[in-house]
Amino acid sequence: MPLLNTKSASPTQKFLEVDQIKDDVAILKNGELRAIIECSSLNFALKSEEEQNAITYAYQNFLNSLDFSLEFVIHSRKLDISEYLIFLEEKQKTQENELLKLQTTEYLDFIKSLTELANIMSKKFYVIIPFAAVQAKELGFADKLTSLVSPPKIQKFDTEKFKSYKDQLIQRVDFVKMGIRGMGIVSEQLTTEQLIKLFYELYNPGEKIAGKEVEMTEFGV
């Protein structure tokens, strides 16, 4: 999904699907819209059998009520605790009480050894909600091969159409949020800034957008 302007984008980025991010919505090159909501986790195994059955039935009813497709994404990445380690090291240096200083040192060593022995992962849960004014046709093998050689032309629409399409997309977002709320899951739609941060970190693994001066125009906004 290209976030950089196509003028300065690398050849690889030109084949990615997102054209721009605007008003909390990702706009694809083919003119379709995508909203992304982030969801809280739910420890199903710790629920009673009665609660598990209720959640399962609620999920079934939710899926049966949909008249559009959804994509569920679980994003796993190694937990970055470098800032926490720096915080502990600073505490260790400034601690005046010898006993507390010793305890801080032991705790710091424990955290370092734990992260070296095991990959501690963080997981985030997303639902991607689509909207297309016209349903895109299913591409055959020849069409997909052609699109690799010559990427399809970017579809554009005016402000009025965008507002109309976005309003219909938000109706779907509200419907999805209401449906998963019945399962005890809290959700929130990602804003423009959150979408930029998400895509930036997805396509720049190991880097953080925090602290960087990133121009909104670089992301097609």
N, C-alpha and C. Protein backbone atom coordinates (compact mmCIF):
# COMPACT_ATOMS: atom_id res chain seq x y z
N MET A 1 0.84 -1.19 0.00
CA MET A 1 0.00 0.00 0.00
C MET A 1 0.88 1.25 0.00
N PRO A 2 0.89 2.02 -1.06
CA PRO A 2 1.85 3.10 -1.14
C PRO A 2 1.44 4.28 -0.32
N LEU A 3 2.31 4.75 0.53
CA LEU A 3 2.03 5.92 1.34
C LEU A 3 2.78 7.13 0.80
N LEU A 4 3.88 6.87 0.10
CA LEU A 4 4.66 7.98 -0.43
C LEU A 4 4.09 8.45 -1.76
N ASN A 5 4.34 9.71 -2.04
CA ASN A 5 3.91 10.27 -3.31
C ASN A 5 4.48 9.45 -4.46
N THR A 6 3.70 9.18 -5.49
CA THR A 6 4.16 8.33 -6.59
C THR A 6 5.33 8.96 -7.34
N LYS A 7 5.48 10.28 -7.26
CA LYS A 7 6.59 10.95 -7.95
C LYS A 7 7.93 10.53 -7.34
N SER A 8 7.94 10.36 -5.99
CA SER A 8 9.19 10.02 -5.32
C SER A 8 9.22 8.57 -4.87
N ALA A 9 8.17 7.82 -5.17
CA ALA A 9 8.09 6.44 -4.70
C ALA A 9 9.02 5.55 -5.49
N SER A 10 9.45 4.48 -4.83
CA SER A 10 10.29 3.50 -5.50
C SER A 10 9.42 2.66 -6.43
N PRO A 11 10.01 1.95 -7.42
CA PRO A 11 9.22 1.11 -8.32
C PRO A 11 8.34 0.12 -7.57
N THR A 12 8.82 -0.43 -6.44
CA THR A 12 8.01 -1.37 -5.66
C THR A 12 6.76 -0.70 -5.12
N GLN A 13 6.91 0.52 -4.57
CA GLN A 13 5.77 1.22 -3.98
C GLN A 13 4.68 1.53 -4.99
N LYS A 14 5.06 1.65 -6.26
CA LYS A 14 4.07 1.97 -7.29
C LYS A 14 3.09 0.83 -7.49
N PHE A 15 3.46 -0.38 -7.08
CA PHE A 15 2.58 -1.53 -7.26
C PHE A 15 1.71 -1.78 -6.03
N LEU A 16 1.90 -1.01 -4.97
CA LEU A 16 1.08 -1.17 -3.77
C LEU A 16 -0.26 -0.48 -3.98
N GLU A 17 -1.23 -0.84 -3.13
CA GLU A 17 -2.62 -0.53 -3.48
C GLU A 17 -3.15 0.82 -3.00
N VAL A 18 -2.64 1.36 -1.90
CA VAL A 18 -3.19 2.60 -1.36
C VAL A 18 -2.66 3.81 -2.11
N ASP A 19 -3.57 4.70 -2.52
CA ASP A 19 -3.16 5.92 -3.20
C ASP A 19 -2.94 7.04 -2.20
N GLN A 20 -3.87 7.19 -1.23
CA GLN A 20 -3.73 8.24 -0.23
C GLN A 20 -4.57 7.92 1.00
N ILE A 21 -4.29 8.66 2.08
CA ILE A 21 -5.05 8.54 3.32
C ILE A 21 -5.67 9.90 3.59
N LYS A 22 -6.99 9.91 3.75
CA LYS A 22 -7.70 11.19 3.87
C LYS A 22 -8.91 11.03 4.77
N ASP A 23 -9.07 11.95 5.72
CA ASP A 23 -10.25 11.96 6.60
C ASP A 23 -10.50 10.60 7.23
N ASP A 24 -9.46 9.98 7.77
CA ASP A 24 -9.55 8.70 8.49
C ASP A 24 -9.89 7.52 7.57
N VAL A 25 -9.66 7.69 6.28
CA VAL A 25 -10.00 6.66 5.30
C VAL A 25 -8.80 6.43 4.38
N ALA A 26 -8.53 5.16 4.07
CA ALA A 26 -7.51 4.83 3.07
C ALA A 26 -8.20 4.70 1.72
N ILE A 27 -7.69 5.43 0.72
CA ILE A 27 -8.27 5.41 -0.62
C ILE A 27 -7.35 4.60 -1.51
N LEU A 28 -7.89 3.53 -2.10
CA LEU A 28 -7.10 2.68 -2.97
C LEU A 28 -7.01 3.28 -4.37
N LYS A 29 -6.05 2.80 -5.14
CA LYS A 29 -5.86 3.30 -6.50
C LYS A 29 -7.05 3.02 -7.39
N ASN A 30 -7.80 1.95 -7.09
CA ASN A 30 -8.95 1.61 -7.93
C ASN A 30 -10.21 2.36 -7.51
N GLY A 31 -10.07 3.31 -6.55
CA GLY A 31 -11.21 4.12 -6.14
C GLY A 31 -11.98 3.57 -4.96
N GLU A 32 -11.65 2.38 -4.48
CA GLU A 32 -12.32 1.82 -3.31
C GLU A 32 -11.80 2.47 -2.03
N LEU A 33 -12.64 2.43 -0.99
CA LEU A 33 -12.27 3.00 0.31
C LEU A 33 -12.10 1.89 1.33
N ARG A 34 -11.24 2.16 2.32
CA ARG A 34 -11.05 1.23 3.43
C ARG A 34 -11.00 2.01 4.74
N ALA A 35 -11.76 1.52 5.72
CA ALA A 35 -11.65 2.02 7.09
C ALA A 35 -11.09 0.88 7.93
N ILE A 36 -10.31 1.21 8.94
CA ILE A 36 -9.73 0.19 9.81
C ILE A 36 -10.09 0.49 11.24
N ILE A 37 -10.62 -0.51 11.94
CA ILE A 37 -10.89 -0.34 13.36
C ILE A 37 -9.99 -1.27 14.15
N GLU A 38 -9.48 -0.76 15.26
CA GLU A 38 -8.65 -1.56 16.15
C GLU A 38 -9.53 -2.10 17.28
N CYS A 39 -9.36 -3.38 17.60
CA CYS A 39 -10.23 -4.05 18.56
C CYS A 39 -9.45 -4.51 19.79
N SER A 40 -10.11 -4.51 20.91
CA SER A 40 -9.51 -5.05 22.13
C SER A 40 -9.48 -6.58 22.03
N SER A 41 -8.65 -7.19 22.85
CA SER A 41 -8.57 -8.66 22.86
C SER A 41 -9.59 -9.24 23.82
N LEU A 42 -9.81 -10.54 23.71
CA LEU A 42 -10.78 -11.24 24.55
C LEU A 42 -10.20 -12.60 24.90
N ASN A 43 -10.02 -12.89 26.18
CA ASN A 43 -9.46 -14.19 26.58
C ASN A 43 -10.61 -15.20 26.68
N PHE A 44 -10.86 -15.85 25.55
CA PHE A 44 -11.99 -16.76 25.44
C PHE A 44 -11.84 -17.95 26.40
N ALA A 45 -10.60 -18.44 26.58
CA ALA A 45 -10.35 -19.64 27.38
C ALA A 45 -10.69 -19.44 28.86
N LEU A 46 -10.63 -18.19 29.32
CA LEU A 46 -10.90 -17.92 30.74
C LEU A 46 -12.39 -17.71 31.02
N LYS A 47 -13.20 -17.70 29.97
CA LYS A 47 -14.64 -17.53 30.15
C LYS A 47 -15.29 -18.85 30.57
N SER A 48 -16.41 -18.74 31.25
CA SER A 48 -17.17 -19.95 31.59
C SER A 48 -17.80 -20.53 30.33
N GLU A 49 -18.26 -21.77 30.41
CA GLU A 49 -18.86 -22.41 29.24
C GLU A 49 -20.08 -21.62 28.76
N GLU A 50 -20.85 -21.11 29.70
CA GLU A 50 -22.04 -20.33 29.34
C GLU A 50 -21.64 -19.04 28.61
N GLU A 51 -20.58 -18.38 29.11
CA GLU A 51 -20.11 -17.15 28.47
C GLU A 51 -19.54 -17.44 27.08
N GLN A 52 -18.81 -18.55 26.96
CA GLN A 52 -18.24 -18.94 25.66
C GLN A 52 -19.34 -19.19 24.64
N ASN A 53 -20.39 -19.87 25.06
CA ASN A 53 -21.52 -20.13 24.15
C ASN A 53 -22.19 -18.83 23.72
N ALA A 54 -22.35 -17.90 24.67
CA ALA A 54 -22.99 -16.62 24.35
C ALA A 54 -22.15 -15.84 23.35
N ILE A 55 -20.82 -15.84 23.53
CA ILE A 55 -19.93 -15.13 22.62
C ILE A 55 -19.97 -15.77 21.23
N THR A 56 -19.96 -17.11 21.19
CA THR A 56 -20.00 -17.83 19.91
C THR A 56 -21.28 -17.52 19.15
N TYR A 57 -22.42 -17.56 19.84
CA TYR A 57 -23.70 -17.26 19.19
C TYR A 57 -23.74 -15.81 18.70
N ALA A 58 -23.21 -14.89 19.52
CA ALA A 58 -23.18 -13.48 19.13
C ALA A 58 -22.33 -13.28 17.88
N TYR A 59 -21.21 -14.01 17.80
CA TYR A 59 -20.33 -13.92 16.64
C TYR A 59 -21.02 -14.50 15.39
N GLN A 60 -21.70 -15.61 15.56
CA GLN A 60 -22.44 -16.21 14.44
C GLN A 60 -23.51 -15.25 13.92
N ASN A 61 -24.27 -14.66 14.85
CA ASN A 61 -25.33 -13.73 14.46
C ASN A 61 -24.75 -12.50 13.76
N PHE A 62 -23.60 -12.05 14.26
CA PHE A 62 -22.94 -10.89 13.64
C PHE A 62 -22.54 -11.19 12.20
N LEU A 63 -21.90 -12.35 11.98
CA LEU A 63 -21.48 -12.72 10.62
C LEU A 63 -22.68 -12.89 9.70
N ASN A 64 -23.75 -13.49 10.21
CA ASN A 64 -24.94 -13.71 9.39
C ASN A 64 -25.65 -12.41 9.03
N SER A 65 -25.42 -11.35 9.81
CA SER A 65 -26.09 -10.07 9.57
C SER A 65 -25.37 -9.22 8.52
N LEU A 66 -24.16 -9.62 8.16
CA LEU A 66 -23.36 -8.82 7.23
C LEU A 66 -23.81 -9.01 5.78
N ASP A 67 -23.84 -7.92 5.03
CA ASP A 67 -24.09 -8.02 3.59
C ASP A 67 -22.90 -7.45 2.80
N PHE A 68 -21.75 -7.38 3.47
CA PHE A 68 -20.51 -6.94 2.82
C PHE A 68 -19.36 -7.73 3.45
N SER A 69 -18.24 -7.76 2.75
CA SER A 69 -17.10 -8.54 3.23
C SER A 69 -16.31 -7.77 4.28
N LEU A 70 -15.60 -8.53 5.11
CA LEU A 70 -14.71 -7.95 6.12
C LEU A 70 -13.38 -8.70 6.06
N GLU A 71 -12.33 -8.05 6.53
CA GLU A 71 -11.05 -8.72 6.67
C GLU A 71 -10.58 -8.55 8.11
N PHE A 72 -10.28 -9.68 8.77
CA PHE A 72 -9.77 -9.65 10.14
C PHE A 72 -8.25 -9.85 10.08
N VAL A 73 -7.53 -8.96 10.73
CA VAL A 73 -6.06 -9.01 10.71
C VAL A 73 -5.52 -9.02 12.12
N ILE A 74 -4.60 -9.96 12.39
CA ILE A 74 -3.87 -9.98 13.65
C ILE A 74 -2.43 -9.62 13.33
N HIS A 75 -1.96 -8.52 13.88
CA HIS A 75 -0.60 -8.05 13.61
C HIS A 75 0.29 -8.36 14.81
N SER A 76 1.25 -9.24 14.61
CA SER A 76 2.19 -9.63 15.68
C SER A 76 3.55 -9.04 15.38
N ARG A 77 4.17 -8.49 16.40
CA ARG A 77 5.54 -8.01 16.24
C ARG A 77 6.26 -8.09 17.58
N LYS A 78 7.58 -8.19 17.49
CA LYS A 78 8.38 -8.29 18.71
C LYS A 78 8.22 -7.02 19.52
N LEU A 79 7.96 -7.20 20.81
CA LEU A 79 7.73 -6.06 21.69
C LEU A 79 9.02 -5.28 21.89
N ASP A 80 8.96 -3.99 21.62
CA ASP A 80 10.12 -3.12 21.78
C ASP A 80 10.08 -2.49 23.17
N ILE A 81 11.01 -2.90 24.04
CA ILE A 81 11.05 -2.35 25.40
C ILE A 81 12.32 -1.53 25.63
N SER A 82 12.93 -1.09 24.54
CA SER A 82 14.18 -0.34 24.66
C SER A 82 14.00 0.93 25.50
N GLU A 83 12.89 1.64 25.31
CA GLU A 83 12.65 2.86 26.08
C GLU A 83 12.46 2.55 27.56
N TYR A 84 11.82 1.42 27.85
CA TYR A 84 11.63 1.01 29.25
C TYR A 84 12.97 0.67 29.89
N LEU A 85 13.87 0.02 29.14
CA LEU A 85 15.19 -0.32 29.65
C LEU A 85 16.00 0.95 29.94
N ILE A 86 15.89 1.93 29.05
CA ILE A 86 16.58 3.21 29.27
C ILE A 86 16.06 3.88 30.54
N PHE A 87 14.74 3.82 30.74
CA PHE A 87 14.11 4.40 31.93
C PHE A 87 14.66 3.73 33.20
N LEU A 88 14.77 2.39 33.17
CA LEU A 88 15.29 1.66 34.33
C LEU A 88 16.76 2.00 34.59
N GLU A 89 17.54 2.14 33.52
CA GLU A 89 18.95 2.47 33.68
C GLU A 89 19.13 3.85 34.30
N GLU A 90 18.26 4.78 33.92
CA GLU A 90 18.32 6.11 34.51
C GLU A 90 17.94 6.07 35.98
N LYS A 91 16.92 5.28 36.30
CA LYS A 91 16.52 5.11 37.70
C LYS A 91 17.64 4.50 38.52
N GLN A 92 18.33 3.54 37.92
CA GLN A 92 19.44 2.87 38.60
C GLN A 92 20.56 3.87 38.93
N LYS A 93 20.87 4.76 38.02
CA LYS A 93 21.95 5.72 38.21
C LYS A 93 21.60 6.77 39.27
N THR A 94 20.33 7.18 39.30
CA THR A 94 19.94 8.27 40.19
C THR A 94 19.42 7.80 41.55
N GLN A 95 19.28 6.48 41.72
CA GLN A 95 18.75 5.94 42.97
C GLN A 95 19.76 6.12 44.11
N GLU A 96 19.35 6.79 45.17
CA GLU A 96 20.25 7.06 46.30
C GLU A 96 20.21 5.96 47.35
N ASN A 97 19.08 5.33 47.50
CA ASN A 97 18.95 4.25 48.47
C ASN A 97 19.66 3.00 47.91
N GLU A 98 20.64 2.48 48.66
CA GLU A 98 21.46 1.37 48.18
C GLU A 98 20.65 0.10 47.94
N LEU A 99 19.70 -0.15 48.83
CA LEU A 99 18.87 -1.35 48.69
C LEU A 99 18.00 -1.26 47.44
N LEU A 100 17.37 -0.10 47.23
CA LEU A 100 16.53 0.09 46.04
C LEU A 100 17.38 0.07 44.77
N LYS A 101 18.61 0.58 44.86
CA LYS A 101 19.51 0.57 43.72
C LYS A 101 19.87 -0.86 43.33
N LEU A 102 20.13 -1.70 44.36
CA LEU A 102 20.44 -3.11 44.12
C LEU A 102 19.24 -3.84 43.50
N GLN A 103 18.05 -3.56 44.03
CA GLN A 103 16.83 -4.20 43.50
C GLN A 103 16.56 -3.77 42.06
N THR A 104 16.81 -2.49 41.78
CA THR A 104 16.62 -2.00 40.41
C THR A 104 17.59 -2.67 39.45
N THR A 105 18.85 -2.85 39.90
CA THR A 105 19.86 -3.51 39.08
C THR A 105 19.47 -4.95 38.79
N GLU A 106 19.01 -5.66 39.81
CA GLU A 106 18.60 -7.06 39.63
C GLU A 106 17.39 -7.16 38.70
N TYR A 107 16.45 -6.24 38.87
CA TYR A 107 15.26 -6.25 38.01
C TYR A 107 15.64 -5.95 36.56
N LEU A 108 16.55 -5.00 36.35
CA LEU A 108 17.01 -4.64 35.02
C LEU A 108 17.70 -5.84 34.36
N ASP A 109 18.54 -6.54 35.11
CA ASP A 109 19.22 -7.73 34.58
C ASP A 109 18.22 -8.83 34.23
N PHE A 110 17.18 -8.97 35.06
CA PHE A 110 16.15 -9.97 34.81
C PHE A 110 15.39 -9.68 33.51
N ILE A 111 15.01 -8.42 33.32
CA ILE A 111 14.27 -8.03 32.11
C ILE A 111 15.13 -8.25 30.87
N LYS A 112 16.42 -7.88 30.94
CA LYS A 112 17.33 -8.07 29.80
C LYS A 112 17.48 -9.55 29.46
N SER A 113 17.67 -10.39 30.47
CA SER A 113 17.85 -11.83 30.22
C SER A 113 16.57 -12.45 29.69
N LEU A 114 15.42 -11.97 30.17
CA LEU A 114 14.13 -12.49 29.71
C LEU A 114 13.92 -12.20 28.23
N THR A 115 14.24 -10.98 27.80
CA THR A 115 14.05 -10.60 26.40
C THR A 115 15.06 -11.29 25.49
N GLU A 116 16.22 -11.67 26.03
CA GLU A 116 17.22 -12.40 25.25
C GLU A 116 16.84 -13.86 25.06
N LEU A 117 16.17 -14.44 26.06
CA LEU A 117 15.80 -15.85 26.01
C LEU A 117 14.53 -16.10 25.20
N ALA A 118 13.63 -15.15 25.22
CA ALA A 118 12.33 -15.36 24.56
C ALA A 118 11.94 -14.14 23.74
N ASN A 119 11.28 -14.40 22.62
CA ASN A 119 10.72 -13.32 21.82
C ASN A 119 9.36 -12.94 22.40
N ILE A 120 9.31 -11.82 23.07
CA ILE A 120 8.05 -11.36 23.65
C ILE A 120 7.31 -10.57 22.57
N MET A 121 6.14 -11.07 22.20
CA MET A 121 5.40 -10.49 21.09
C MET A 121 4.21 -9.67 21.58
N SER A 122 3.93 -8.62 20.86
CA SER A 122 2.71 -7.86 21.10
C SER A 122 1.77 -8.13 19.93
N LYS A 123 0.50 -8.21 20.21
CA LYS A 123 -0.49 -8.48 19.17
C LYS A 123 -1.53 -7.37 19.15
N LYS A 124 -1.88 -6.95 17.94
CA LYS A 124 -2.96 -5.99 17.77
C LYS A 124 -3.97 -6.58 16.79
N PHE A 125 -5.23 -6.26 17.02
CA PHE A 125 -6.32 -6.87 16.26
C PHE A 125 -7.08 -5.77 15.48
N TYR A 126 -7.23 -6.01 14.19
CA TYR A 126 -7.87 -5.01 13.33
C TYR A 126 -8.98 -5.66 12.50
N VAL A 127 -9.99 -4.85 12.18
CA VAL A 127 -11.01 -5.24 11.20
C VAL A 127 -10.95 -4.20 10.08
N ILE A 128 -10.77 -4.68 8.86
CA ILE A 128 -10.72 -3.79 7.69
C ILE A 128 -12.07 -3.83 7.00
N ILE A 129 -12.65 -2.64 6.85
CA ILE A 129 -14.02 -2.53 6.31
C ILE A 129 -13.95 -1.83 4.96
N PRO A 130 -14.47 -2.48 3.90
CA PRO A 130 -14.36 -1.91 2.55
C PRO A 130 -15.63 -1.19 2.10
N PHE A 131 -15.45 -0.31 1.14
CA PHE A 131 -16.60 0.22 0.40
C PHE A 131 -16.16 0.48 -1.03
N ALA A 132 -16.97 0.02 -1.97
CA ALA A 132 -16.71 0.27 -3.39
C ALA A 132 -18.02 0.72 -4.04
N ALA A 133 -17.96 1.85 -4.75
CA ALA A 133 -19.16 2.35 -5.44
C ALA A 133 -19.65 1.34 -6.46
N VAL A 134 -18.68 0.70 -7.16
CA VAL A 134 -18.99 -0.36 -8.12
C VAL A 134 -18.13 -1.55 -7.75
N GLN A 135 -18.74 -2.71 -7.62
CA GLN A 135 -17.98 -3.90 -7.25
C GLN A 135 -16.94 -4.22 -8.32
N ALA A 136 -15.70 -4.32 -7.89
CA ALA A 136 -14.62 -4.61 -8.84
C ALA A 136 -14.76 -6.04 -9.35
N LYS A 137 -14.45 -6.24 -10.63
CA LYS A 137 -14.55 -7.58 -11.19
C LYS A 137 -13.36 -8.42 -10.74
N GLU A 138 -13.58 -9.71 -10.67
CA GLU A 138 -12.51 -10.64 -10.29
C GLU A 138 -11.50 -10.73 -11.44
N LEU A 139 -10.23 -10.46 -11.11
CA LEU A 139 -9.20 -10.48 -12.14
C LEU A 139 -8.76 -11.91 -12.43
N GLY A 140 -8.66 -12.23 -13.72
CA GLY A 140 -8.12 -13.52 -14.11
C GLY A 140 -6.60 -13.48 -14.08
N PHE A 141 -5.99 -14.64 -14.40
CA PHE A 141 -4.53 -14.73 -14.35
C PHE A 141 -3.88 -13.75 -15.33
N ALA A 142 -4.45 -13.65 -16.55
CA ALA A 142 -3.88 -12.76 -17.57
C ALA A 142 -3.97 -11.29 -17.12
N ASP A 143 -5.10 -10.93 -16.50
CA ASP A 143 -5.27 -9.55 -16.01
C ASP A 143 -4.24 -9.23 -14.93
N LYS A 144 -4.02 -10.20 -14.01
CA LYS A 144 -3.06 -9.98 -12.92
C LYS A 144 -1.64 -9.84 -13.48
N LEU A 145 -1.34 -10.64 -14.50
CA LEU A 145 -0.01 -10.58 -15.11
C LEU A 145 0.19 -9.23 -15.79
N THR A 146 -0.86 -8.76 -16.46
CA THR A 146 -0.78 -7.46 -17.14
C THR A 146 -0.60 -6.33 -16.14
N SER A 147 -1.29 -6.43 -15.00
CA SER A 147 -1.21 -5.38 -13.98
C SER A 147 0.18 -5.28 -13.37
N LEU A 148 0.92 -6.38 -13.37
CA LEU A 148 2.29 -6.36 -12.85
C LEU A 148 3.21 -5.60 -13.79
N VAL A 149 2.99 -5.79 -15.09
CA VAL A 149 3.81 -5.12 -16.10
C VAL A 149 3.41 -3.65 -16.24
N SER A 150 2.09 -3.42 -16.26
CA SER A 150 1.57 -2.06 -16.41
C SER A 150 0.49 -1.83 -15.35
N PRO A 151 0.83 -1.21 -14.22
CA PRO A 151 -0.13 -0.99 -13.14
C PRO A 151 -1.35 -0.23 -13.62
N PRO A 152 -2.56 -0.56 -13.10
CA PRO A 152 -3.78 0.11 -13.53
C PRO A 152 -3.77 1.59 -13.18
N LYS A 153 -4.50 2.36 -13.97
CA LYS A 153 -4.58 3.81 -13.76
C LYS A 153 -5.31 4.11 -12.46
N ILE A 154 -4.80 5.12 -11.74
CA ILE A 154 -5.41 5.50 -10.46
C ILE A 154 -6.77 6.14 -10.71
N GLN A 155 -7.79 5.65 -10.00
CA GLN A 155 -9.14 6.18 -10.14
C GLN A 155 -9.32 7.38 -9.20
N LYS A 156 -9.86 8.47 -9.71
CA LYS A 156 -10.07 9.68 -8.92
C LYS A 156 -11.56 10.02 -8.90
N PHE A 157 -12.00 10.67 -7.81
CA PHE A 157 -13.37 11.17 -7.79
C PHE A 157 -13.38 12.49 -7.03
N ASP A 158 -14.41 13.31 -7.28
CA ASP A 158 -14.45 14.65 -6.68
C ASP A 158 -14.84 14.60 -5.21
N THR A 159 -14.77 15.77 -4.56
CA THR A 159 -15.02 15.88 -3.12
C THR A 159 -16.42 15.43 -2.75
N GLU A 160 -17.37 15.76 -3.60
CA GLU A 160 -18.76 15.41 -3.33
C GLU A 160 -18.96 13.89 -3.31
N LYS A 161 -18.39 13.22 -4.28
CA LYS A 161 -18.51 11.77 -4.34
C LYS A 161 -17.78 11.12 -3.16
N PHE A 162 -16.61 11.66 -2.85
CA PHE A 162 -15.85 11.11 -1.73
C PHE A 162 -16.67 11.19 -0.44
N LYS A 163 -17.31 12.34 -0.20
CA LYS A 163 -18.12 12.49 1.02
C LYS A 163 -19.25 11.49 1.04
N SER A 164 -19.91 11.30 -0.11
CA SER A 164 -21.01 10.35 -0.20
C SER A 164 -20.54 8.92 0.08
N TYR A 165 -19.42 8.53 -0.54
CA TYR A 165 -18.89 7.18 -0.34
C TYR A 165 -18.42 6.99 1.11
N LYS A 166 -17.79 8.04 1.66
CA LYS A 166 -17.29 7.93 3.03
C LYS A 166 -18.45 7.77 4.01
N ASP A 167 -19.54 8.51 3.80
CA ASP A 167 -20.72 8.40 4.68
C ASP A 167 -21.25 6.97 4.69
N GLN A 168 -21.27 6.33 3.52
CA GLN A 168 -21.74 4.94 3.44
C GLN A 168 -20.76 3.98 4.11
N LEU A 169 -19.46 4.29 3.99
CA LEU A 169 -18.45 3.47 4.67
C LEU A 169 -18.58 3.59 6.19
N ILE A 170 -18.82 4.81 6.68
CA ILE A 170 -18.94 5.02 8.13
C ILE A 170 -20.17 4.29 8.68
N GLN A 171 -21.23 4.19 7.88
CA GLN A 171 -22.40 3.41 8.30
C GLN A 171 -22.00 1.95 8.54
N ARG A 172 -21.15 1.42 7.67
CA ARG A 172 -20.66 0.05 7.85
C ARG A 172 -19.79 -0.05 9.10
N VAL A 173 -18.94 0.97 9.30
CA VAL A 173 -18.07 0.99 10.49
C VAL A 173 -18.91 0.94 11.76
N ASP A 174 -19.93 1.78 11.83
CA ASP A 174 -20.80 1.81 13.02
C ASP A 174 -21.50 0.48 13.22
N PHE A 175 -21.92 -0.13 12.12
CA PHE A 175 -22.60 -1.43 12.20
C PHE A 175 -21.67 -2.50 12.76
N VAL A 176 -20.42 -2.50 12.28
CA VAL A 176 -19.44 -3.49 12.75
C VAL A 176 -19.11 -3.27 14.22
N LYS A 177 -18.90 -2.01 14.61
CA LYS A 177 -18.57 -1.70 16.00
C LYS A 177 -19.69 -2.13 16.94
N MET A 178 -20.94 -1.92 16.51
CA MET A 178 -22.08 -2.32 17.32
C MET A 178 -22.16 -3.84 17.43
N GLY A 179 -21.86 -4.53 16.32
CA GLY A 179 -21.93 -5.99 16.31
C GLY A 179 -20.91 -6.64 17.22
N ILE A 180 -19.66 -6.16 17.19
CA ILE A 180 -18.63 -6.78 18.02
C ILE A 180 -18.72 -6.32 19.47
N ARG A 181 -19.42 -5.21 19.70
CA ARG A 181 -19.63 -4.77 21.08
C ARG A 181 -20.46 -5.80 21.83
N GLY A 182 -21.35 -6.49 21.11
CA GLY A 182 -22.17 -7.52 21.72
C GLY A 182 -21.37 -8.73 22.19
N MET A 183 -20.13 -8.83 21.75
CA MET A 183 -19.24 -9.91 22.20
C MET A 183 -18.30 -9.45 23.30
N GLY A 184 -18.49 -8.21 23.77
CA GLY A 184 -17.64 -7.68 24.82
C GLY A 184 -16.32 -7.13 24.31
N ILE A 185 -16.26 -6.79 23.03
CA ILE A 185 -15.03 -6.27 22.42
C ILE A 185 -15.18 -4.77 22.18
N VAL A 186 -14.21 -4.02 22.67
CA VAL A 186 -14.19 -2.57 22.47
C VAL A 186 -13.41 -2.27 21.20
N SER A 187 -13.91 -1.35 20.38
CA SER A 187 -13.23 -1.03 19.12
C SER A 187 -13.26 0.47 18.87
N GLU A 188 -12.31 0.91 18.05
CA GLU A 188 -12.23 2.32 17.69
C GLU A 188 -11.65 2.45 16.30
N GLN A 189 -12.24 3.32 15.49
CA GLN A 189 -11.73 3.53 14.14
C GLN A 189 -10.42 4.31 14.19
N LEU A 190 -9.45 3.88 13.40
CA LEU A 190 -8.16 4.58 13.34
C LEU A 190 -8.31 5.91 12.63
N THR A 191 -7.68 6.94 13.18
CA THR A 191 -7.69 8.27 12.57
C THR A 191 -6.63 8.33 11.46
N THR A 192 -6.61 9.45 10.75
CA THR A 192 -5.61 9.64 9.70
C THR A 192 -4.20 9.46 10.24
N GLU A 193 -3.90 10.10 11.38
CA GLU A 193 -2.57 10.01 11.97
C GLU A 193 -2.24 8.58 12.38
N GLN A 194 -3.22 7.87 12.93
CA GLN A 194 -3.00 6.49 13.36
C GLN A 194 -2.80 5.56 12.15
N LEU A 195 -3.53 5.83 11.07
CA LEU A 195 -3.35 5.04 9.84
C LEU A 195 -1.95 5.24 9.26
N ILE A 196 -1.50 6.50 9.25
CA ILE A 196 -0.16 6.79 8.74
C ILE A 196 0.89 6.07 9.58
N LYS A 197 0.73 6.13 10.90
CA LYS A 197 1.67 5.46 11.80
C LYS A 197 1.67 3.95 11.57
N LEU A 198 0.47 3.37 11.43
CA LEU A 198 0.35 1.94 11.21
C LEU A 198 1.04 1.51 9.92
N PHE A 199 0.73 2.19 8.80
CA PHE A 199 1.31 1.82 7.51
C PHE A 199 2.82 2.08 7.48
N TYR A 200 3.23 3.18 8.09
CA TYR A 200 4.66 3.50 8.10
C TYR A 200 5.45 2.40 8.81
N GLU A 201 4.95 1.96 9.97
CA GLU A 201 5.67 0.94 10.72
C GLU A 201 5.56 -0.44 10.07
N LEU A 202 4.46 -0.69 9.34
CA LEU A 202 4.33 -1.96 8.61
C LEU A 202 5.37 -2.06 7.50
N TYR A 203 5.58 -0.95 6.78
CA TYR A 203 6.49 -0.98 5.64
C TYR A 203 7.89 -0.51 5.97
N ASN A 204 8.11 -0.15 7.23
CA ASN A 204 9.45 0.20 7.71
C ASN A 204 9.70 -0.53 9.02
N PRO A 205 9.76 -1.87 8.98
CA PRO A 205 9.92 -2.63 10.23
C PRO A 205 11.18 -2.23 10.97
N GLY A 206 11.02 -2.11 12.29
CA GLY A 206 12.15 -1.73 13.12
C GLY A 206 12.29 -0.24 13.31
N GLU A 207 11.53 0.55 12.52
CA GLU A 207 11.57 2.01 12.66
C GLU A 207 10.28 2.50 13.30
N LYS A 208 10.38 3.66 13.96
CA LYS A 208 9.20 4.26 14.56
C LYS A 208 8.97 5.62 13.92
N ILE A 209 7.70 5.97 13.77
CA ILE A 209 7.39 7.28 13.19
C ILE A 209 7.49 8.36 14.26
N ALA A 210 7.36 7.97 15.54
CA ALA A 210 7.43 8.93 16.64
C ALA A 210 8.77 9.64 16.62
N GLY A 211 8.72 10.96 16.77
CA GLY A 211 9.95 11.73 16.79
C GLY A 211 10.46 12.12 15.42
N LYS A 212 9.84 11.62 14.37
CA LYS A 212 10.27 11.96 13.01
C LYS A 212 9.39 13.07 12.46
N GLU A 213 9.96 13.95 11.68
CA GLU A 213 9.19 14.98 11.01
C GLU A 213 8.72 14.41 9.67
N VAL A 214 7.51 13.91 9.65
CA VAL A 214 6.99 13.30 8.43
C VAL A 214 5.91 14.19 7.85
N GLU A 215 6.15 14.68 6.65
CA GLU A 215 5.19 15.57 6.00
C GLU A 215 3.97 14.76 5.58
N MET A 216 2.78 15.34 5.83
CA MET A 216 1.53 14.66 5.45
C MET A 216 1.47 14.46 3.94
N THR A 217 2.08 15.36 3.16
CA THR A 217 2.04 15.22 1.71
C THR A 217 2.82 14.00 1.25
N GLU A 218 3.79 13.54 2.06
CA GLU A 218 4.56 12.37 1.70
C GLU A 218 3.68 11.12 1.70
N PHE A 219 2.58 11.21 2.43
CA PHE A 219 1.69 10.06 2.52
C PHE A 219 0.46 10.25 1.66
N GLY A 220 0.51 11.18 0.73
CA GLY A 220 -0.60 11.38 -0.20
C GLY A 220 -1.78 12.07 0.43
N VAL A 221 -1.61 12.68 1.61
CA VAL A 221 -2.74 13.31 2.28
C VAL A 221 -2.89 14.74 1.79
